[in-house]
PDB file of N, CA and C in Angstrom:
ATOM      1  N   MET A   1      99.324  42.529  -2.646  1.00  0.00           N
ATOM      2  CA  MET A   1     100.194  42.141  -1.560  1.00  0.00           C
ATOM      3  C   MET A   1      99.462  42.451  -0.249  1.00  0.00           C
ATOM      4  N   LEU A   2      99.475  41.517   0.646  1.00  0.00           N
ATOM      5  CA  LEU A   2      98.778  41.687   1.926  1.00  0.00           C
ATOM      6  C   LEU A   2      99.581  42.571   2.879  1.00  0.00           C
ATOM      7  N   GLN A   3      98.874  43.205   3.807  1.00  0.00           N
ATOM      8  CA  GLN A   3      99.487  44.161   4.734  1.00  0.00           C
ATOM      9  C   GLN A   3     100.666  43.576   5.523  1.00  0.00           C
ATOM     10  N   PRO A   4     100.580  42.346   6.056  1.00  0.00           N
ATOM     11  CA  PRO A   4     101.745  41.818   6.783  1.00  0.00           C
ATOM     12  C   PRO A   4     103.001  41.746   5.912  1.00  0.00           C
ATOM     13  N   ARG A   5     102.824  41.419   4.637  1.00  0.00           N
ATOM     14  CA  ARG A   5     103.976  41.349   3.725  1.00  0.00           C
ATOM     15  C   ARG A   5     104.528  42.738   3.447  1.00  0.00           C
ATOM     16  N   ILE A   6     103.641  43.710   3.275  1.00  0.00           N
ATOM     17  CA  ILE A   6     104.069  45.097   3.058  1.00  0.00           C
ATOM     18  C   ILE A   6     104.867  45.581   4.262  1.00  0.00           C
ATOM     19  N   SER A   7     104.394  45.291   5.458  1.00  0.00           N
ATOM     20  CA  SER A   7     105.111  45.694   6.677  1.00  0.00           C
ATOM     21  C   SER A   7     106.488  45.050   6.730  1.00  0.00           C
ATOM     22  N   ALA A   8     106.576  43.786   6.346  1.00  0.00           N
ATOM     23  CA  ALA A   8     107.872  43.099   6.345  1.00  0.00           C
ATOM     24  C   ALA A   8     108.828  43.737   5.346  1.00  0.00           C
ATOM     25  N   VAL A   9     108.300  44.131   4.195  1.00  0.00           N
ATOM     26  CA  VAL A   9     109.131  44.773   3.170  1.00  0.00           C
ATOM     27  C   VAL A   9     109.637  46.121   3.663  1.00  0.00           C
ATOM     28  N   GLU A  10     108.816  46.856   4.394  1.00  0.00           N
ATOM     29  CA  GLU A  10     109.177  48.196   4.857  1.00  0.00           C
ATOM     30  C   GLU A  10     110.108  48.181   6.059  1.00  0.00           C
ATOM     31  N   THR A  11     110.249  47.052   6.728  1.00  0.00           N
ATOM     32  CA  THR A  11     111.088  46.957   7.920  1.00  0.00           C
ATOM     33  C   THR A  11     112.400  46.269   7.566  1.00  0.00           C
ATOM     34  N   PRO A  12     113.517  47.009   7.599  1.00  0.00           N
ATOM     35  CA  PRO A  12     114.805  46.406   7.253  1.00  0.00           C
ATOM     36  C   PRO A  12     115.104  45.174   8.101  1.00  0.00           C
ATOM     37  N   GLY A  13     115.539  44.111   7.458  1.00  0.00           N
ATOM     38  CA  GLY A  13     115.914  42.890   8.154  1.00  0.00           C
ATOM     39  C   GLY A  13     114.754  41.989   8.528  1.00  0.00           C
ATOM     40  N   LYS A  14     113.537  42.387   8.275  1.00  0.00           N
ATOM     41  CA  LYS A  14     112.367  41.599   8.670  1.00  0.00           C
ATOM     42  C   LYS A  14     111.869  40.669   7.581  1.00  0.00           C
ATOM     43  N   GLY A  15     112.219  40.909   6.360  1.00  0.00           N
ATOM     44  CA  GLY A  15     111.713  40.059   5.289  1.00  0.00           C
ATOM     45  C   GLY A  15     112.716  39.936   4.176  1.00  0.00           C
ATOM     46  N   THR A  16     112.547  38.912   3.372  1.00  0.00           N
ATOM     47  CA  THR A  16     113.408  38.740   2.208  1.00  0.00           C
ATOM     48  C   THR A  16     112.575  38.976   0.953  1.00  0.00           C
ATOM     49  N   LEU A  17     113.202  39.542  -0.041  1.00  0.00           N
ATOM     50  CA  LEU A  17     112.522  39.833  -1.295  1.00  0.00           C
ATOM     51  C   LEU A  17     113.211  39.071  -2.418  1.00  0.00           C
ATOM     52  N   ASN A  18     112.436  38.485  -3.289  1.00  0.00           N
ATOM     53  CA  ASN A  18     113.034  37.876  -4.473  1.00  0.00           C
ATOM     54  C   ASN A  18     112.824  38.814  -5.659  1.00  0.00           C
ATOM     55  N   LEU A  19     113.437  38.515  -6.777  1.00  0.00           N
ATOM     56  CA  LEU A  19     113.348  39.408  -7.933  1.00  0.00           C
ATOM     57  C   LEU A  19     111.917  39.551  -8.437  1.00  0.00           C
ATOM     58  N   GLU A  20     111.133  38.485  -8.378  1.00  0.00           N
ATOM     59  CA  GLU A  20     109.757  38.575  -8.835  1.00  0.00           C
ATOM     60  C   GLU A  20     108.957  39.552  -7.977  1.00  0.00           C
ATOM     61  N   THR A  21     109.168  39.529  -6.665  1.00  0.00           N
ATOM     62  CA  THR A  21     108.470  40.469  -5.777  1.00  0.00           C
ATOM     63  C   THR A  21     108.896  41.896  -6.085  1.00  0.00           C
ATOM     64  N   LEU A  22     110.191  42.118  -6.281  1.00  0.00           N
ATOM     65  CA  LEU A  22     110.674  43.455  -6.622  1.00  0.00           C
ATOM     66  C   LEU A  22     110.090  43.928  -7.947  1.00  0.00           C
ATOM     67  N   ARG A  23     109.999  43.020  -8.931  1.00  0.00           N
ATOM     68  CA  ARG A  23     109.418  43.366 -10.228  1.00  0.00           C
ATOM     69  C   ARG A  23     107.957  43.762 -10.072  1.00  0.00           C
ATOM     70  N   ARG A  24     107.220  43.039  -9.259  1.00  0.00           N
ATOM     71  CA  ARG A  24     105.807  43.346  -9.047  1.00  0.00           C
ATOM     72  C   ARG A  24     105.634  44.686  -8.334  1.00  0.00           C
ATOM     73  N   ILE A  25     106.506  44.979  -7.374  1.00  0.00           N
ATOM     74  CA  ILE A  25     106.440  46.272  -6.678  1.00  0.00           C
ATOM     75  C   ILE A  25     106.726  47.396  -7.662  1.00  0.00           C
ATOM     76  N   ALA A  26     107.767  47.242  -8.489  1.00  0.00           N
ATOM     77  CA  ALA A  26     108.099  48.271  -9.490  1.00  0.00           C
ATOM     78  C   ALA A  26     106.931  48.472 -10.447  1.00  0.00           C
ATOM     79  N   ALA A  27     106.318  47.397 -10.898  1.00  0.00           N
ATOM     80  CA  ALA A  27     105.182  47.502 -11.809  1.00  0.00           C
ATOM     81  C   ALA A  27     104.009  48.212 -11.138  1.00  0.00           C
ATOM     82  N   ALA A  28     103.779  47.926  -9.875  1.00  0.00           N
ATOM     83  CA  ALA A  28     102.667  48.561  -9.157  1.00  0.00           C
ATOM     84  C   ALA A  28     102.862  50.069  -9.059  1.00  0.00           C
ATOM     85  N   PHE A  29     104.118  50.507  -8.942  1.00  0.00           N
ATOM     86  CA  PHE A  29     104.408  51.937  -8.843  1.00  0.00           C
ATOM     87  C   PHE A  29     104.724  52.556 -10.211  1.00  0.00           C
ATOM     88  N   ASP A  30     104.664  51.762 -11.275  1.00  0.00           N
ATOM     89  CA  ASP A  30     104.925  52.224 -12.637  1.00  0.00           C
ATOM     90  C   ASP A  30     106.321  52.840 -12.755  1.00  0.00           C
ATOM     91  N   ILE A  31     107.293  52.117 -12.211  1.00  0.00           N
ATOM     92  CA  ILE A  31     108.690  52.557 -12.259  1.00  0.00           C
ATOM     93  C   ILE A  31     109.561  51.396 -12.731  1.00  0.00           C
ATOM     94  N   GLY A  32     110.775  51.692 -13.112  1.00  0.00           N
ATOM     95  CA  GLY A  32     111.713  50.665 -13.536  1.00  0.00           C
ATOM     96  C   GLY A  32     112.412  50.029 -12.352  1.00  0.00           C
ATOM     97  N   LEU A  33     113.000  48.888 -12.588  1.00  0.00           N
ATOM     98  CA  LEU A  33     113.770  48.177 -11.570  1.00  0.00           C
ATOM     99  C   LEU A  33     115.130  47.861 -12.164  1.00  0.00           C
ATOM    100  N   ILE A  34     116.176  48.239 -11.457  1.00  0.00           N
ATOM    101  CA  ILE A  34     117.538  47.941 -11.887  1.00  0.00           C
ATOM    102  C   ILE A  34     118.188  47.097 -10.800  1.00  0.00           C
ATOM    103  N   VAL A  35     118.694  45.933 -11.188  1.00  0.00           N
ATOM    104  CA  VAL A  35     119.417  45.054 -10.265  1.00  0.00           C
ATOM    105  C   VAL A  35     120.757  44.789 -10.909  1.00  0.00           C
ATOM    106  N   ARG A  36     121.831  44.998 -10.166  1.00  0.00           N
ATOM    107  CA  ARG A  36     123.149  44.777 -10.756  1.00  0.00           C
ATOM    108  C   ARG A  36     124.142  44.364  -9.692  1.00  0.00           C
ATOM    109  N   PHE A  37     125.211  43.765 -10.117  1.00  0.00           N
ATOM    110  CA  PHE A  37     126.305  43.414  -9.225  1.00  0.00           C
ATOM    111  C   PHE A  37     127.255  44.601  -9.153  1.00  0.00           C
ATOM    112  N   ALA A  38     127.821  44.826  -7.957  1.00  0.00           N
ATOM    113  CA  ALA A  38     128.731  45.958  -7.767  1.00  0.00           C
ATOM    114  C   ALA A  38     129.846  45.554  -6.810  1.00  0.00           C
ATOM    115  N   PRO A  39     130.983  46.228  -6.891  1.00  0.00           N
ATOM    116  CA  PRO A  39     132.059  45.963  -5.942  1.00  0.00           C
ATOM    117  C   PRO A  39     131.603  46.321  -4.521  1.00  0.00           C
ATOM    118  N   VAL A  40     132.147  45.632  -3.543  1.00  0.00           N
ATOM    119  CA  VAL A  40     131.785  45.891  -2.144  1.00  0.00           C
ATOM    120  C   VAL A  40     132.076  47.344  -1.786  1.00  0.00           C
ATOM    121  N   SER A  41     133.171  47.903  -2.290  1.00  0.00           N
ATOM    122  CA  SER A  41     133.521  49.286  -1.971  1.00  0.00           C
ATOM    123  C   SER A  41     132.428  50.250  -2.434  1.00  0.00           C
ATOM    124  N   GLU A  42     131.832  49.980  -3.602  1.00  0.00           N
ATOM    125  CA  GLU A  42     130.749  50.825  -4.087  1.00  0.00           C
ATOM    126  C   GLU A  42     129.523  50.702  -3.192  1.00  0.00           C
ATOM    127  N   MET A  43     129.246  49.499  -2.740  1.00  0.00           N
ATOM    128  CA  MET A  43     128.098  49.272  -1.863  1.00  0.00           C
ATOM    129  C   MET A  43     128.295  49.988  -0.530  1.00  0.00           C
ATOM    130  N   VAL A  44     129.497  49.925   0.024  1.00  0.00           N
ATOM    131  CA  VAL A  44     129.783  50.611   1.285  1.00  0.00           C
ATOM    132  C   VAL A  44     129.596  52.112   1.108  1.00  0.00           C
ATOM    133  N   GLU A  45     130.099  52.660   0.007  1.00  0.00           N
ATOM    134  CA  GLU A  45     129.937  54.092  -0.264  1.00  0.00           C
ATOM    135  C   GLU A  45     128.459  54.457  -0.385  1.00  0.00           C
ATOM    136  N   TRP A  46     127.697  53.621  -1.072  1.00  0.00           N
ATOM    137  CA  TRP A  46     126.268  53.865  -1.243  1.00  0.00           C
ATOM    138  C   TRP A  46     125.551  53.860   0.112  1.00  0.00           C
ATOM    139  N   VAL A  47     125.883  52.905   0.962  1.00  0.00           N
ATOM    140  CA  VAL A  47     125.255  52.816   2.285  1.00  0.00           C
ATOM    141  C   VAL A  47     125.613  54.036   3.127  1.00  0.00           C
ATOM    142  N   GLU A  48     126.862  54.459   3.078  1.00  0.00           N
ATOM    143  CA  GLU A  48     127.296  55.617   3.870  1.00  0.00           C
ATOM    144  C   GLU A  48     126.638  56.907   3.408  1.00  0.00           C
ATOM    145  N   GLN A  49     126.319  57.015   2.122  1.00  0.00           N
ATOM    146  CA  GLN A  49     125.713  58.239   1.586  1.00  0.00           C
ATOM    147  C   GLN A  49     124.199  58.114   1.431  1.00  0.00           C
ATOM    148  N   PHE A  50     123.620  57.037   1.953  1.00  0.00           N
ATOM    149  CA  PHE A  50     122.194  56.778   1.767  1.00  0.00           C
ATOM    150  C   PHE A  50     121.335  57.904   2.324  1.00  0.00           C
ATOM    151  N   ASP A  51     120.344  58.296   1.547  1.00  0.00           N
ATOM    152  CA  ASP A  51     119.379  59.309   1.955  1.00  0.00           C
ATOM    153  C   ASP A  51     117.996  58.804   1.536  1.00  0.00           C
ATOM    154  N   PRO A  52     117.060  58.648   2.483  1.00  0.00           N
ATOM    155  CA  PRO A  52     115.726  58.153   2.123  1.00  0.00           C
ATOM    156  C   PRO A  52     115.061  58.958   1.005  1.00  0.00           C
ATOM    157  N   GLU A  53     115.392  60.230   0.877  1.00  0.00           N
ATOM    158  CA  GLU A  53     114.817  61.060  -0.187  1.00  0.00           C
ATOM    159  C   GLU A  53     115.253  60.579  -1.570  1.00  0.00           C
ATOM    160  N   SER A  54     116.375  59.859  -1.627  1.00  0.00           N
ATOM    161  CA  SER A  54     116.847  59.373  -2.922  1.00  0.00           C
ATOM    162  C   SER A  54     115.956  58.264  -3.466  1.00  0.00           C
ATOM    163  N   PHE A  55     115.047  57.747  -2.669  1.00  0.00           N
ATOM    164  CA  PHE A  55     114.119  56.714  -3.121  1.00  0.00           C
ATOM    165  C   PHE A  55     112.929  57.298  -3.862  1.00  0.00           C
ATOM    166  N   THR A  56     112.834  58.613  -3.950  1.00  0.00           N
ATOM    167  CA  THR A  56     111.746  59.231  -4.691  1.00  0.00           C
ATOM    168  C   THR A  56     112.023  59.053  -6.183  1.00  0.00           C
ATOM    169  N   VAL A  57     111.128  58.348  -6.859  1.00  0.00           N
ATOM    170  CA  VAL A  57     111.310  58.036  -8.274  1.00  0.00           C
ATOM    171  C   VAL A  57     110.072  58.496  -9.037  1.00  0.00           C
ATOM    172  N   ALA A  58     110.292  59.183 -10.143  1.00  0.00           N
ATOM    173  CA  ALA A  58     109.169  59.628 -10.984  1.00  0.00           C
ATOM    174  C   ALA A  58     108.544  58.416 -11.667  1.00  0.00           C
ATOM    175  N   GLN A  59     107.218  58.381 -11.684  1.00  0.00           N
ATOM    176  CA  GLN A  59     106.524  57.327 -12.419  1.00  0.00           C
ATOM    177  C   GLN A  59     106.753  57.535 -13.910  1.00  0.00           C
ATOM    178  N   PHE A  60     106.512  56.496 -14.688  1.00  0.00           N
ATOM    179  CA  PHE A  60     106.772  56.532 -16.129  1.00  0.00           C
ATOM    180  C   PHE A  60     106.127  57.738 -16.793  1.00  0.00           C
ATOM    181  N   ALA A  61     104.865  58.010 -16.477  1.00  0.00           N
ATOM    182  CA  ALA A  61     104.141  59.121 -17.113  1.00  0.00           C
ATOM    183  C   ALA A  61     104.722  60.480 -16.732  1.00  0.00           C
ATOM    184  N   GLU A  62     105.391  60.556 -15.573  1.00  0.00           N
ATOM    185  CA  GLU A  62     105.951  61.824 -15.102  1.00  0.00           C
ATOM    186  C   GLU A  62     107.430  61.981 -15.452  1.00  0.00           C
ATOM    187  N   ASP A  63     108.045  60.935 -15.971  1.00  0.00           N
ATOM    188  CA  ASP A  63     109.469  60.949 -16.282  1.00  0.00           C
ATOM    189  C   ASP A  63     109.687  61.722 -17.576  1.00  0.00           C
ATOM    190  N   LYS A  64     110.302  62.884 -17.481  1.00  0.00           N
ATOM    191  CA  LYS A  64     110.460  63.773 -18.631  1.00  0.00           C
ATOM    192  C   LYS A  64     111.275  63.153 -19.757  1.00  0.00           C
ATOM    193  N   GLY A  65     112.207  62.293 -19.439  1.00  0.00           N
ATOM    194  CA  GLY A  65     113.037  61.689 -20.470  1.00  0.00           C
ATOM    195  C   GLY A  65     112.500  60.376 -21.003  1.00  0.00           C
ATOM    196  N   SER A  66     111.430  59.860 -20.428  1.00  0.00           N
ATOM    197  CA  SER A  66     110.979  58.525 -20.822  1.00  0.00           C
ATOM    198  C   SER A  66     110.417  58.474 -22.230  1.00  0.00           C
ATOM    199  N   GLU A  67     109.714  59.488 -22.697  1.00  0.00           N
ATOM    200  CA  GLU A  67     109.121  59.430 -24.034  1.00  0.00           C
ATOM    201  C   GLU A  67     110.203  59.398 -25.098  1.00  0.00           C
ATOM    202  N   ARG A  68     111.202  60.243 -24.943  1.00  0.00           N
ATOM    203  CA  ARG A  68     112.293  60.280 -25.921  1.00  0.00           C
ATOM    204  C   ARG A  68     113.022  58.942 -25.935  1.00  0.00           C
ATOM    205  N   LYS A  69     113.326  58.394 -24.767  1.00  0.00           N
ATOM    206  CA  LYS A  69     114.052  57.133 -24.687  1.00  0.00           C
ATOM    207  C   LYS A  69     113.192  55.974 -25.142  1.00  0.00           C
ATOM    208  N   THR A  70     111.921  55.976 -24.805  1.00  0.00           N
ATOM    209  CA  THR A  70     111.027  54.914 -25.233  1.00  0.00           C
ATOM    210  C   THR A  70     110.902  54.905 -26.746  1.00  0.00           C
ATOM    211  N   ASN A  71     110.786  56.067 -27.352  1.00  0.00           N
ATOM    212  CA  ASN A  71     110.712  56.153 -28.812  1.00  0.00           C
ATOM    213  C   ASN A  71     111.987  55.628 -29.459  1.00  0.00           C
ATOM    214  N   ALA A  72     113.127  55.926 -28.848  1.00  0.00           N
ATOM    215  CA  ALA A  72     114.402  55.443 -29.377  1.00  0.00           C
ATOM    216  C   ALA A  72     114.462  53.924 -29.302  1.00  0.00           C
ATOM    217  N   VAL A  73     113.994  53.344 -28.212  1.00  0.00           N
ATOM    218  CA  VAL A  73     113.986  51.888 -28.068  1.00  0.00           C
ATOM    219  C   VAL A  73     113.042  51.278 -29.091  1.00  0.00           C
ATOM    220  N   ARG A  74     111.861  51.854 -29.248  1.00  0.00           N
ATOM    221  CA  ARG A  74     110.913  51.332 -30.233  1.00  0.00           C
ATOM    222  C   ARG A  74     111.506  51.377 -31.642  1.00  0.00           C
ATOM    223  N   THR A  75     112.200  52.471 -31.967  1.00  0.00           N
ATOM    224  CA  THR A  75     112.791  52.623 -33.288  1.00  0.00           C
ATOM    225  C   THR A  75     113.850  51.549 -33.518  1.00  0.00           C
ATOM    226  N   ARG A  76     114.658  51.272 -32.517  1.00  0.00           N
ATOM    227  CA  ARG A  76     115.719  50.275 -32.665  1.00  0.00           C
ATOM    228  C   ARG A  76     115.170  48.855 -32.724  1.00  0.00           C
ATOM    229  N   THR A  77     114.009  48.599 -32.112  1.00  0.00           N
ATOM    230  CA  THR A  77     113.525  47.225 -32.007  1.00  0.00           C
ATOM    231  C   THR A  77     112.443  46.860 -33.012  1.00  0.00           C
ATOM    232  N   GLN A  78     111.871  47.833 -33.726  1.00  0.00           N
ATOM    233  CA  GLN A  78     110.818  47.489 -34.677  1.00  0.00           C
ATOM    234  C   GLN A  78     111.419  46.902 -35.948  1.00  0.00           C
ATOM    235  N   PRO A  79     110.695  45.991 -36.600  1.00  0.00           N
ATOM    236  CA  PRO A  79     111.205  45.365 -37.823  1.00  0.00           C
ATOM    237  C   PRO A  79     111.454  46.388 -38.924  1.00  0.00           C
ATOM    238  N   ARG A  80     112.365  46.071 -39.819  1.00  0.00           N
ATOM    239  CA  ARG A  80     112.767  46.970 -40.891  1.00  0.00           C
ATOM    240  C   ARG A  80     111.599  47.388 -41.783  1.00  0.00           C
ATOM    241  N   ASN A  81     110.736  46.450 -42.159  1.00  0.00           N
ATOM    242  CA  ASN A  81     109.646  46.791 -43.069  1.00  0.00           C
ATOM    243  C   ASN A  81     108.671  47.785 -42.442  1.00  0.00           C
ATOM    244  N   GLN A  82     108.513  47.779 -41.114  1.00  0.00           N
ATOM    245  CA  GLN A  82     107.653  48.759 -40.467  1.00  0.00           C
ATOM    246  C   GLN A  82     108.296  50.128 -40.495  1.00  0.00           C
ATOM    247  N   LYS A  83     109.617  50.218 -40.372  1.00  0.00           N
ATOM    248  CA  LYS A  83     110.294  51.514 -40.457  1.00  0.00           C
ATOM    249  C   LYS A  83     110.085  52.129 -41.830  1.00  0.00           C
ATOM    250  N   GLU A  84     110.212  51.296 -42.847  1.00  0.00           N
ATOM    251  CA  GLU A  84     110.104  51.799 -44.202  1.00  0.00           C
ATOM    252  C   GLU A  84     108.704  52.290 -44.525  1.00  0.00           C
ATOM    253  N   HIS A  85     107.689  51.677 -43.929  1.00  0.00           N
ATOM    254  CA  HIS A  85     106.311  52.058 -44.179  1.00  0.00           C
ATOM    255  C   HIS A  85     105.760  53.038 -43.142  1.00  0.00           C
ATOM    256  N   GLY A  86     106.595  53.421 -42.152  1.00  0.00           N
ATOM    257  CA  GLY A  86     106.160  54.384 -41.152  1.00  0.00           C
ATOM    258  C   GLY A  86     105.137  53.824 -40.178  1.00  0.00           C
ATOM    259  N   GLU A  87     105.091  52.493 -40.044  1.00  0.00           N
ATOM    260  CA  GLU A  87     104.151  51.871 -39.122  1.00  0.00           C
ATOM    261  C   GLU A  87     104.812  51.604 -37.800  1.00  0.00           C
ATOM    262  N   LEU A  88     104.009  51.619 -36.752  1.00  0.00           N
ATOM    263  CA  LEU A  88     104.508  51.221 -35.434  1.00  0.00           C
ATOM    264  C   LEU A  88     103.700  50.079 -34.901  1.00  0.00           C
TER     265      LEU A  88
END
């Protein structure tokens, strides 16, 4: 991503982001991206309680719960014959 685009992303109201751009930013920082619909009242509450420190997110390798959860996802999604043979 070029510097002018990064500056636009960092300046509220200066640029628009699409989901693909957000996905690429999350991938670059090795973090997850969650996008969801919420009631307006929840959004207002979130804005009123906003703290820039809340944007600090642990990268995948530093996330203490990620290995346990990743293993659980792998176990649920691997084919049955691989489970029986202990293969991943």
